[in-house]
Amino acid sequence: MPKRAVDLAGSAFGLLLLLLPMLVVAAVIRLTSRGPAIYRQERIGLDGRPFEILKFRTMYADADRRLDELKKRTTIEGPLFKMIDDPRITPVGRVLRRFSIDELPQLVNVLLGDMSLVGPRPALSCEVDEYCARAVRRLEAVPGMTGAWQVGGRSTLSWEAGLDLDIHYVDNWNLRYDVVILARTVRAVVLPVGAY
């Protein structure tokens, strides 16, 4: 399948190219806050299958335990939790998130086939539990490191607006569309509007 071939080539090339910078990032994370450099979390992928996503850790070690107390301060409606000034994020983590550096370990997820370079972002199981029938359609595509939602406004978009973009992607996927999203991702990373 052409998409999988692009994912394999792109993730392998990306890992080779970025291995040294990623090791530096991992060292900085370990030196500036307690806990592992890589954060592992279960996400839901294609057709509702769970997998373990990899990210650079951007939060303090007790972040997951503090989530319930912060949920009422979410800045987005729907099943997602987003917070502009999340106190669980470390100073280094804020920089990593702003420029999407925290997502780079997901190149391993792409190489393994759990993710694609482009697709809807993978959701938490608790978010999927709240999905309406329309939102479940997000699970008809392999989740991606970047996608239509990410280049269309990221956290500035409402749940419904982001969902519209993801479903449009699912319904209209082609390799050219992926190339356009990847190109727009570069701009979104360099000019990180809506990243927090």
C-alpha atoms as a PDB file:
ATOM      1  CA  MET A   1       0.000   0.000   0.000  1.00  0.00           C
ATOM      2  CA  PRO A   2       1.504   3.391  -0.998  1.00  0.00           C
ATOM      3  CA  LYS A   3       0.657   5.100   2.307  1.00  0.00           C
ATOM      4  CA  ARG A   4       2.421   2.403   4.334  1.00  0.00           C
ATOM      5  CA  ALA A   5       5.469   2.571   2.053  1.00  0.00           C
ATOM      6  CA  VAL A   6       5.689   6.342   2.594  1.00  0.00           C
ATOM      7  CA  ASP A   7       5.278   5.850   6.364  1.00  0.00           C
ATOM      8  CA  LEU A   8       8.064   3.252   6.485  1.00  0.00           C
ATOM      9  CA  ALA A   9      10.467   5.351   4.439  1.00  0.00           C
ATOM     10  CA  GLY A  10       9.594   8.600   6.204  1.00  0.00           C
ATOM     11  CA  SER A  11       9.801   7.246   9.745  1.00  0.00           C
ATOM     12  CA  ALA A  12      13.065   5.359   9.100  1.00  0.00           C
ATOM     13  CA  PHE A  13      14.650   8.436   7.499  1.00  0.00           C
ATOM     14  CA  GLY A  14      13.332  10.685  10.273  1.00  0.00           C
ATOM     15  CA  LEU A  15      14.727   8.463  13.017  1.00  0.00           C
ATOM     16  CA  LEU A  16      18.148   8.304  11.355  1.00  0.00           C
ATOM     17  CA  LEU A  17      18.218  12.060  10.793  1.00  0.00           C
ATOM     18  CA  LEU A  18      16.939  13.022  14.248  1.00  0.00           C
ATOM     19  CA  LEU A  19      18.513  10.352  16.451  1.00  0.00           C
ATOM     20  CA  LEU A  20      21.253  12.577  17.888  1.00  0.00           C
ATOM     21  CA  PRO A  21      18.971  15.593  18.559  1.00  0.00           C
ATOM     22  CA  MET A  22      16.440  13.240  20.169  1.00  0.00           C
ATOM     23  CA  LEU A  23      19.128  11.853  22.492  1.00  0.00           C
ATOM     24  CA  VAL A  24      19.994  15.433  23.491  1.00  0.00           C
ATOM     25  CA  VAL A  25      16.319  16.196  24.196  1.00  0.00           C
ATOM     26  CA  ALA A  26      16.023  13.035  26.296  1.00  0.00           C
ATOM     27  CA  ALA A  27      19.093  14.036  28.331  1.00  0.00           C
ATOM     28  CA  VAL A  28      17.717  17.558  28.955  1.00  0.00           C
ATOM     29  CA  ILE A  29      14.394  16.113  30.156  1.00  0.00           C
ATOM     30  CA  ARG A  30      16.149  13.737  32.564  1.00  0.00           C
ATOM     31  CA  LEU A  31      18.423  16.487  33.899  1.00  0.00           C
ATOM     32  CA  THR A  32      15.653  19.033  34.531  1.00  0.00           C
ATOM     33  CA  SER A  33      12.863  17.006  36.144  1.00  0.00           C
ATOM     34  CA  ARG A  34      12.333  13.690  37.892  1.00  0.00           C
ATOM     35  CA  GLY A  35      11.052  10.802  35.781  1.00  0.00           C
ATOM     36  CA  PRO A  36      11.767   9.022  32.498  1.00  0.00           C
ATOM     37  CA  ALA A  37      12.486  10.899  29.274  1.00  0.00           C
ATOM     38  CA  ILE A  38       9.877   8.901  27.344  1.00  0.00           C
ATOM     39  CA  TYR A  39       6.220   8.923  28.355  1.00  0.00           C
ATOM     40  CA  ARG A  40       4.150   5.896  27.348  1.00  0.00           C
ATOM     41  CA  GLN A  41       0.368   6.002  27.221  1.00  0.00           C
ATOM     42  CA  GLU A  42      -2.374   3.791  25.828  1.00  0.00           C
ATOM     43  CA  ARG A  43      -4.186   5.322  22.880  1.00  0.00           C
ATOM     44  CA  ILE A  44      -6.871   4.033  20.534  1.00  0.00           C
ATOM     45  CA  GLY A  45      -5.919   3.402  16.932  1.00  0.00           C
ATOM     46  CA  LEU A  46      -7.429   2.042  13.729  1.00  0.00           C
ATOM     47  CA  ASP A  47     -10.777   0.273  14.252  1.00  0.00           C
ATOM     48  CA  GLY A  48     -10.619   0.880  18.011  1.00  0.00           C
ATOM     49  CA  ARG A  49      -7.450  -1.145  18.629  1.00  0.00           C
ATOM     50  CA  PRO A  50      -5.354   0.048  21.592  1.00  0.00           C
ATOM     51  CA  PHE A  51      -1.614   0.681  21.284  1.00  0.00           C
ATOM     52  CA  GLU A  52       1.114   2.342  23.338  1.00  0.00           C
ATOM     53  CA  ILE A  53       2.059   5.800  22.113  1.00  0.00           C
ATOM     54  CA  LEU A  54       5.542   7.215  22.760  1.00  0.00           C
ATOM     55  CA  LYS A  55       6.211  10.864  23.540  1.00  0.00           C
ATOM     56  CA  PHE A  56       8.929  12.886  25.191  1.00  0.00           C
ATOM     57  CA  ARG A  57       7.736  13.540  28.734  1.00  0.00           C
ATOM     58  CA  THR A  58       6.602  17.163  29.071  1.00  0.00           C
ATOM     59  CA  MET A  59       4.881  16.952  32.465  1.00  0.00           C
ATOM     60  CA  TYR A  60       5.892  16.354  36.046  1.00  0.00           C
ATOM     61  CA  ALA A  61       5.863  12.762  37.285  1.00  0.00           C
ATOM     62  CA  ASP A  62       2.517  13.121  39.117  1.00  0.00           C
ATOM     63  CA  ALA A  63       0.654  14.601  36.106  1.00  0.00           C
ATOM     64  CA  ASP A  64      -1.768  11.710  35.541  1.00  0.00           C
ATOM     65  CA  ARG A  65      -2.861  11.722  39.192  1.00  0.00           C
ATOM     66  CA  ARG A  66      -3.659  15.455  38.998  1.00  0.00           C
ATOM     67  CA  LEU A  67      -5.836  15.274  35.891  1.00  0.00           C
ATOM     68  CA  ASP A  68      -9.182  14.810  37.649  1.00  0.00           C
ATOM     69  CA  GLU A  69      -8.741  17.989  39.709  1.00  0.00           C
ATOM     70  CA  LEU A  70      -8.053  20.007  36.538  1.00  0.00           C
ATOM     71  CA  LYS A  71     -10.739  18.621  34.206  1.00  0.00           C
ATOM     72  CA  LYS A  72     -13.240  21.333  35.128  1.00  0.00           C
ATOM     73  CA  ARG A  73     -10.790  23.932  33.794  1.00  0.00           C
ATOM     74  CA  THR A  74     -10.686  22.535  30.252  1.00  0.00           C
ATOM     75  CA  THR A  75     -10.683  25.141  27.484  1.00  0.00           C
ATOM     76  CA  ILE A  76     -12.448  23.009  24.863  1.00  0.00           C
ATOM     77  CA  GLU A  77     -15.904  21.452  24.765  1.00  0.00           C
ATOM     78  CA  GLY A  78     -16.328  17.778  23.964  1.00  0.00           C
ATOM     79  CA  PRO A  79     -14.399  14.713  25.127  1.00  0.00           C
ATOM     80  CA  LEU A  80     -10.946  16.355  24.910  1.00  0.00           C
ATOM     81  CA  PHE A  81      -9.079  17.970  27.791  1.00  0.00           C
ATOM     82  CA  LYS A  82      -7.108  21.098  26.858  1.00  0.00           C
ATOM     83  CA  MET A  83      -5.801  23.756  29.208  1.00  0.00           C
ATOM     84  CA  ILE A  84      -3.786  26.835  28.218  1.00  0.00           C
ATOM     85  CA  ASP A  85      -1.682  27.092  31.390  1.00  0.00           C
ATOM     86  CA  ASP A  86      -1.609  23.491  32.557  1.00  0.00           C
ATOM     87  CA  PRO A  87       0.430  23.547  35.803  1.00  0.00           C
ATOM     88  CA  ARG A  88       1.554  19.960  35.231  1.00  0.00           C
ATOM     89  CA  ILE A  89       3.810  20.937  32.322  1.00  0.00           C
ATOM     90  CA  THR A  90       7.510  21.439  33.059  1.00  0.00           C
ATOM     91  CA  PRO A  91       9.402  24.513  31.751  1.00  0.00           C
ATOM     92  CA  VAL A  92      11.282  22.307  29.266  1.00  0.00           C
ATOM     93  CA  GLY A  93       7.986  20.626  28.375  1.00  0.00           C
ATOM     94  CA  ARG A  94       6.444  23.948  27.365  1.00  0.00           C
ATOM     95  CA  VAL A  95       9.170  24.446  24.755  1.00  0.00           C
ATOM     96  CA  LEU A  96       8.892  20.863  23.514  1.00  0.00           C
ATOM     97  CA  ARG A  97       5.118  21.175  23.135  1.00  0.00           C
ATOM     98  CA  ARG A  98       5.225  24.585  21.492  1.00  0.00           C
ATOM     99  CA  PHE A  99       7.354  23.248  18.648  1.00  0.00           C
ATOM    100  CA  SER A 100       5.895  19.687  18.679  1.00  0.00           C
ATOM    101  CA  ILE A 101       9.292  18.203  19.584  1.00  0.00           C
ATOM    102  CA  ASP A 102       7.546  16.007  22.152  1.00  0.00           C
ATOM    103  CA  GLU A 103       5.912  14.094  19.280  1.00  0.00           C
ATOM    104  CA  LEU A 104       9.160  12.915  17.640  1.00  0.00           C
ATOM    105  CA  PRO A 105       9.319   9.507  19.410  1.00  0.00           C
ATOM    106  CA  GLN A 106       6.091   8.652  17.580  1.00  0.00           C
ATOM    107  CA  LEU A 107       8.277   8.012  14.541  1.00  0.00           C
ATOM    108  CA  VAL A 108       8.804   4.640  16.247  1.00  0.00           C
ATOM    109  CA  ASN A 109       5.019   4.158  16.376  1.00  0.00           C
ATOM    110  CA  VAL A 110       4.877   4.911  12.650  1.00  0.00           C
ATOM    111  CA  LEU A 111       7.697   2.463  11.919  1.00  0.00           C
ATOM    112  CA  LEU A 112       5.838  -0.243  13.881  1.00  0.00           C
ATOM    113  CA  GLY A 113       2.600   0.428  11.990  1.00  0.00           C
ATOM    114  CA  ASP A 114       0.496   1.648  14.929  1.00  0.00           C
ATOM    115  CA  MET A 115       0.483   5.154  13.486  1.00  0.00           C
ATOM    116  CA  SER A 116       0.940   6.959  10.189  1.00  0.00           C
ATOM    117  CA  LEU A 117       2.791  10.177   9.438  1.00  0.00           C
ATOM    118  CA  VAL A 118      -0.622  11.726   8.639  1.00  0.00           C
ATOM    119  CA  GLY A 119      -4.040  10.917  10.089  1.00  0.00           C
ATOM    120  CA  PRO A 120      -6.392  11.854  12.926  1.00  0.00           C
ATOM    121  CA  ARG A 121      -4.593  12.204  16.255  1.00  0.00           C
ATOM    122  CA  PRO A 122      -4.959   9.053  18.403  1.00  0.00           C
ATOM    123  CA  ALA A 123      -7.431   9.447  21.250  1.00  0.00           C
ATOM    124  CA  LEU A 124      -7.448   8.221  24.823  1.00  0.00           C
ATOM    125  CA  SER A 125      -9.865   5.392  25.586  1.00  0.00           C
ATOM    126  CA  CYS A 126     -11.809   7.660  27.988  1.00  0.00           C
ATOM    127  CA  GLU A 127     -12.305  10.128  25.120  1.00  0.00           C
ATOM    128  CA  VAL A 128     -13.470   7.393  22.739  1.00  0.00           C
ATOM    129  CA  ASP A 129     -15.966   6.263  25.392  1.00  0.00           C
ATOM    130  CA  GLU A 130     -17.659   9.671  24.981  1.00  0.00           C
ATOM    131  CA  TYR A 131     -17.685   9.641  21.167  1.00  0.00           C
ATOM    132  CA  CYS A 132     -20.953  10.072  19.319  1.00  0.00           C
ATOM    133  CA  ALA A 133     -21.529   7.862  16.245  1.00  0.00           C
ATOM    134  CA  ARG A 134     -20.051  10.547  13.981  1.00  0.00           C
ATOM    135  CA  ALA A 135     -16.882  10.875  16.044  1.00  0.00           C
ATOM    136  CA  VAL A 136     -16.284   7.105  15.891  1.00  0.00           C
ATOM    137  CA  ARG A 137     -15.558   7.632  12.185  1.00  0.00           C
ATOM    138  CA  ARG A 138     -12.178   9.089  13.242  1.00  0.00           C
ATOM    139  CA  LEU A 139     -11.174   5.481  13.993  1.00  0.00           C
ATOM    140  CA  GLU A 140     -11.588   4.477  10.336  1.00  0.00           C
ATOM    141  CA  ALA A 141      -8.117   5.853   9.545  1.00  0.00           C
ATOM    142  CA  VAL A 142      -4.712   4.989  10.990  1.00  0.00           C
ATOM    143  CA  PRO A 143      -3.931   7.716  13.552  1.00  0.00           C
ATOM    144  CA  GLY A 144      -1.210  10.163  12.582  1.00  0.00           C
ATOM    145  CA  MET A 145       1.611  12.240  14.005  1.00  0.00           C
ATOM    146  CA  THR A 146       0.042  15.182  12.221  1.00  0.00           C
ATOM    147  CA  GLY A 147      -3.264  15.682  10.496  1.00  0.00           C
ATOM    148  CA  ALA A 148      -5.891  18.020   9.138  1.00  0.00           C
ATOM    149  CA  TRP A 149      -6.882  19.154  12.649  1.00  0.00           C
ATOM    150  CA  GLN A 150      -3.274  19.973  13.588  1.00  0.00           C
ATOM    151  CA  VAL A 151      -2.611  22.113  10.526  1.00  0.00           C
ATOM    152  CA  GLY A 152      -6.095  23.617  10.607  1.00  0.00           C
ATOM    153  CA  GLY A 153      -5.755  25.397  13.932  1.00  0.00           C
ATOM    154  CA  ARG A 154      -4.696  22.892  16.624  1.00  0.00           C
ATOM    155  CA  SER A 155      -6.018  23.822  20.056  1.00  0.00           C
ATOM    156  CA  THR A 156      -7.673  27.009  18.791  1.00  0.00           C
ATOM    157  CA  LEU A 157     -10.366  24.892  17.099  1.00  0.00           C
ATOM    158  CA  SER A 158     -13.534  23.709  18.792  1.00  0.00           C
ATOM    159  CA  TRP A 159     -14.142  19.969  19.121  1.00  0.00           C
ATOM    160  CA  GLU A 160     -16.752  20.089  16.345  1.00  0.00           C
ATOM    161  CA  ALA A 161     -14.525  22.059  13.956  1.00  0.00           C
ATOM    162  CA  GLY A 162     -11.632  19.663  14.499  1.00  0.00           C
ATOM    163  CA  LEU A 163     -13.925  16.681  14.086  1.00  0.00           C
ATOM    164  CA  ASP A 164     -15.144  18.084  10.761  1.00  0.00           C
ATOM    165  CA  LEU A 165     -11.540  18.268   9.530  1.00  0.00           C
ATOM    166  CA  ASP A 166     -10.761  14.710  10.630  1.00  0.00           C
ATOM    167  CA  ILE A 167     -13.870  13.257   8.991  1.00  0.00           C
ATOM    168  CA  HIS A 168     -13.130  15.188   5.797  1.00  0.00           C
ATOM    169  CA  TYR A 169      -9.677  13.569   5.839  1.00  0.00           C
ATOM    170  CA  VAL A 170     -11.130  10.079   6.363  1.00  0.00           C
ATOM    171  CA  ASP A 171     -13.562  10.574   3.469  1.00  0.00           C
ATOM    172  CA  ASN A 172     -11.104  12.182   1.044  1.00  0.00           C
ATOM    173  CA  TRP A 173      -7.723  10.602   1.752  1.00  0.00           C
ATOM    174  CA  ASN A 174      -5.122  10.390  -0.990  1.00  0.00           C
ATOM    175  CA  LEU A 175      -1.315  10.673  -1.079  1.00  0.00           C
ATOM    176  CA  ARG A 176      -1.464  14.208  -2.426  1.00  0.00           C
ATOM    177  CA  TYR A 177      -3.605  15.232   0.562  1.00  0.00           C
ATOM    178  CA  ASP A 178      -0.967  13.723   2.890  1.00  0.00           C
ATOM    179  CA  VAL A 179       1.799  15.664   1.145  1.00  0.00           C
ATOM    180  CA  VAL A 180      -0.156  18.922   1.525  1.00  0.00           C
ATOM    181  CA  ILE A 181      -0.705  18.257   5.247  1.00  0.00           C
ATOM    182  CA  LEU A 182       2.982  17.389   5.785  1.00  0.00           C
ATOM    183  CA  ALA A 183       4.015  20.626   4.061  1.00  0.00           C
ATOM    184  CA  ARG A 184       1.576  22.628   6.176  1.00  0.00           C
ATOM    185  CA  THR A 185       2.873  20.855   9.291  1.00  0.00           C
ATOM    186  CA  VAL A 186       6.299  22.413   8.758  1.00  0.00           C
ATOM    187  CA  ARG A 187       4.695  25.861   8.805  1.00  0.00           C
ATOM    188  CA  ALA A 188       2.593  24.972  11.868  1.00  0.00           C
ATOM    189  CA  VAL A 189       5.728  23.883  13.741  1.00  0.00           C
ATOM    190  CA  VAL A 190       7.746  26.958  12.765  1.00  0.00           C
ATOM    191  CA  LEU A 191       4.837  29.296  13.546  1.00  0.00           C
ATOM    192  CA  PRO A 192       3.182  27.380  16.405  1.00  0.00           C
ATOM    193  CA  VAL A 193      -0.230  29.024  16.747  1.00  0.00           C
ATOM    194  CA  GLY A 194      -2.545  27.125  19.089  1.00  0.00           C
ATOM    195  CA  ALA A 195       0.168  24.875  20.515  1.00  0.00           C
ATOM    196  CA  TYR A 196       0.089  24.345  24.297  1.00  0.00           C
END
